[in-house]
Amino acid sequence: MTGPPGHVVAGLTRFVDAGARHIVLRIAAPGPDGQRDQLDRLADLLLAMREPVKSGG
């Protein structure tokens, strides 16, 4: 899955909601620096997905 962060989160959420317990991802970026950048961005997204939703107030 590619695209803006919201698109990636939506796609991963669909897999999890469908019962996925393991997801294998391939970082497709040129060179080690690009791969590291993509991996860091993905890690931030995954951590954000794990944070509980805070209720107002």
N, C-alpha and C. Protein backbone atom coordinates (compact mmCIF):
# COMPACT_ATOMS: atom_id res chain seq x y z
N MET A 1 0.85 -1.15 0.00
CA MET A 1 0.00 0.00 0.00
C MET A 1 0.90 1.22 0.00
N THR A 2 0.54 2.16 -0.82
CA THR A 2 1.31 3.39 -0.94
C THR A 2 0.38 4.57 -0.85
N GLY A 3 0.96 5.73 -0.68
CA GLY A 3 0.17 6.94 -0.66
C GLY A 3 0.40 7.75 0.58
N PRO A 4 -0.45 8.74 0.78
CA PRO A 4 -0.32 9.59 1.96
C PRO A 4 -0.56 8.80 3.24
N PRO A 5 -0.06 9.31 4.37
CA PRO A 5 -0.19 8.57 5.64
C PRO A 5 -1.61 8.10 5.95
N GLY A 6 -2.60 8.94 5.73
CA GLY A 6 -3.98 8.54 6.03
C GLY A 6 -4.43 7.35 5.21
N HIS A 7 -3.99 7.28 3.97
CA HIS A 7 -4.34 6.16 3.10
C HIS A 7 -3.69 4.87 3.61
N VAL A 8 -2.44 4.96 4.01
CA VAL A 8 -1.73 3.78 4.53
C VAL A 8 -2.39 3.29 5.82
N VAL A 9 -2.71 4.22 6.72
CA VAL A 9 -3.37 3.84 7.98
C VAL A 9 -4.72 3.18 7.69
N ALA A 10 -5.49 3.74 6.77
CA ALA A 10 -6.80 3.15 6.43
C ALA A 10 -6.63 1.74 5.90
N GLY A 11 -5.64 1.53 5.04
CA GLY A 11 -5.42 0.20 4.49
C GLY A 11 -5.00 -0.80 5.55
N LEU A 12 -4.08 -0.40 6.41
CA LEU A 12 -3.64 -1.30 7.48
C LEU A 12 -4.79 -1.59 8.45
N THR A 13 -5.60 -0.58 8.72
CA THR A 13 -6.74 -0.76 9.62
C THR A 13 -7.72 -1.77 9.05
N ARG A 14 -7.94 -1.74 7.74
CA ARG A 14 -8.85 -2.72 7.12
C ARG A 14 -8.34 -4.14 7.33
N PHE A 15 -7.02 -4.35 7.18
CA PHE A 15 -6.46 -5.69 7.42
C PHE A 15 -6.67 -6.12 8.87
N VAL A 16 -6.37 -5.23 9.80
CA VAL A 16 -6.51 -5.56 11.22
C VAL A 16 -7.98 -5.83 11.56
N ASP A 17 -8.87 -4.98 11.06
CA ASP A 17 -10.31 -5.17 11.33
C ASP A 17 -10.82 -6.48 10.74
N ALA A 18 -10.19 -6.95 9.67
CA ALA A 18 -10.59 -8.22 9.05
C ALA A 18 -10.00 -9.42 9.78
N GLY A 19 -9.18 -9.15 10.82
CA GLY A 19 -8.66 -10.25 11.62
C GLY A 19 -7.19 -10.56 11.44
N ALA A 20 -6.48 -9.75 10.66
CA ALA A 20 -5.05 -10.01 10.45
C ALA A 20 -4.31 -9.92 11.78
N ARG A 21 -3.48 -10.91 12.02
CA ARG A 21 -2.66 -10.90 13.23
C ARG A 21 -1.21 -10.59 12.90
N HIS A 22 -0.83 -10.76 11.66
CA HIS A 22 0.52 -10.45 11.19
C HIS A 22 0.42 -9.75 9.84
N ILE A 23 1.21 -8.74 9.66
CA ILE A 23 1.26 -8.02 8.39
C ILE A 23 2.73 -7.90 8.00
N VAL A 24 3.05 -8.30 6.79
CA VAL A 24 4.41 -8.20 6.29
C VAL A 24 4.47 -7.02 5.34
N LEU A 25 5.41 -6.12 5.59
CA LEU A 25 5.54 -4.93 4.78
C LEU A 25 6.90 -4.91 4.10
N ARG A 26 6.94 -4.39 2.90
CA ARG A 26 8.20 -4.23 2.18
C ARG A 26 8.43 -2.74 1.99
N ILE A 27 9.58 -2.29 2.43
CA ILE A 27 9.94 -0.89 2.28
C ILE A 27 10.59 -0.73 0.90
N ALA A 28 9.90 -0.08 -0.01
CA ALA A 28 10.40 0.07 -1.38
C ALA A 28 10.85 1.50 -1.60
N ALA A 29 12.05 1.78 -1.17
CA ALA A 29 12.63 3.11 -1.36
C ALA A 29 14.06 2.91 -1.86
N PRO A 30 14.53 3.81 -2.69
CA PRO A 30 15.89 3.66 -3.22
C PRO A 30 16.95 3.96 -2.16
N GLY A 31 17.87 3.05 -2.02
CA GLY A 31 19.02 3.25 -1.13
C GLY A 31 18.69 3.14 0.34
N PRO A 32 19.71 2.91 1.14
CA PRO A 32 19.51 2.74 2.59
C PRO A 32 18.94 3.97 3.28
N ASP A 33 19.32 5.17 2.83
CA ASP A 33 18.80 6.38 3.48
C ASP A 33 17.30 6.53 3.23
N GLY A 34 16.87 6.27 2.00
CA GLY A 34 15.46 6.34 1.68
C GLY A 34 14.66 5.27 2.41
N GLN A 35 15.24 4.09 2.52
CA GLN A 35 14.57 3.00 3.25
C GLN A 35 14.44 3.35 4.73
N ARG A 36 15.49 3.93 5.30
CA ARG A 36 15.45 4.30 6.72
C ARG A 36 14.38 5.37 6.95
N ASP A 37 14.30 6.34 6.05
CA ASP A 37 13.29 7.39 6.16
C ASP A 37 11.89 6.79 6.12
N GLN A 38 11.65 5.90 5.17
CA GLN A 38 10.34 5.27 5.05
C GLN A 38 10.01 4.42 6.28
N LEU A 39 11.00 3.70 6.78
CA LEU A 39 10.80 2.88 7.97
C LEU A 39 10.47 3.74 9.18
N ASP A 40 11.16 4.87 9.33
CA ASP A 40 10.86 5.79 10.43
C ASP A 40 9.44 6.33 10.32
N ARG A 41 9.04 6.69 9.10
CA ARG A 41 7.68 7.21 8.90
C ARG A 41 6.63 6.14 9.20
N LEU A 42 6.91 4.91 8.78
CA LEU A 42 5.99 3.81 9.04
C LEU A 42 5.89 3.54 10.54
N ALA A 43 7.02 3.57 11.23
CA ALA A 43 7.01 3.35 12.69
C ALA A 43 6.15 4.41 13.37
N ASP A 44 6.27 5.66 12.95
CA ASP A 44 5.43 6.72 13.53
C ASP A 44 3.95 6.45 13.30
N LEU A 45 3.60 6.01 12.10
CA LEU A 45 2.20 5.69 11.80
C LEU A 45 1.69 4.56 12.67
N LEU A 46 2.49 3.51 12.80
CA LEU A 46 2.06 2.35 13.58
C LEU A 46 1.90 2.70 15.05
N LEU A 47 2.80 3.52 15.58
CA LEU A 47 2.67 3.95 16.97
C LEU A 47 1.42 4.79 17.16
N ALA A 48 1.13 5.65 16.19
CA ALA A 48 -0.08 6.48 16.28
C ALA A 48 -1.34 5.61 16.23
N MET A 49 -1.30 4.53 15.46
CA MET A 49 -2.46 3.63 15.38
C MET A 49 -2.71 2.92 16.70
N ARG A 50 -1.66 2.71 17.48
CA ARG A 50 -1.79 1.99 18.75
C ARG A 50 -2.30 2.87 19.88
N GLU A 51 -2.16 4.19 19.75
CA GLU A 51 -2.58 5.09 20.81
C GLU A 51 -4.10 5.03 20.97
N PRO A 52 -4.56 4.94 22.21
CA PRO A 52 -6.00 4.92 22.41
C PRO A 52 -6.64 6.25 22.00
N VAL A 53 -7.83 6.17 21.49
CA VAL A 53 -8.56 7.37 21.12
C VAL A 53 -9.00 8.06 22.40
N LYS A 54 -8.70 9.35 22.52
CA LYS A 54 -9.05 10.10 23.72
C LYS A 54 -10.43 10.71 23.54
N SER A 55 -11.26 10.56 24.55
CA SER A 55 -12.59 11.14 24.48
C SER A 55 -12.49 12.62 24.87
N GLY A 56 -13.41 13.40 24.37
CA GLY A 56 -13.40 14.83 24.66
C GLY A 56 -13.66 15.09 26.13
N GLY A 57 -13.01 16.13 26.66
CA GLY A 57 -13.28 16.54 28.04
C GLY A 57 -12.29 16.25 29.03
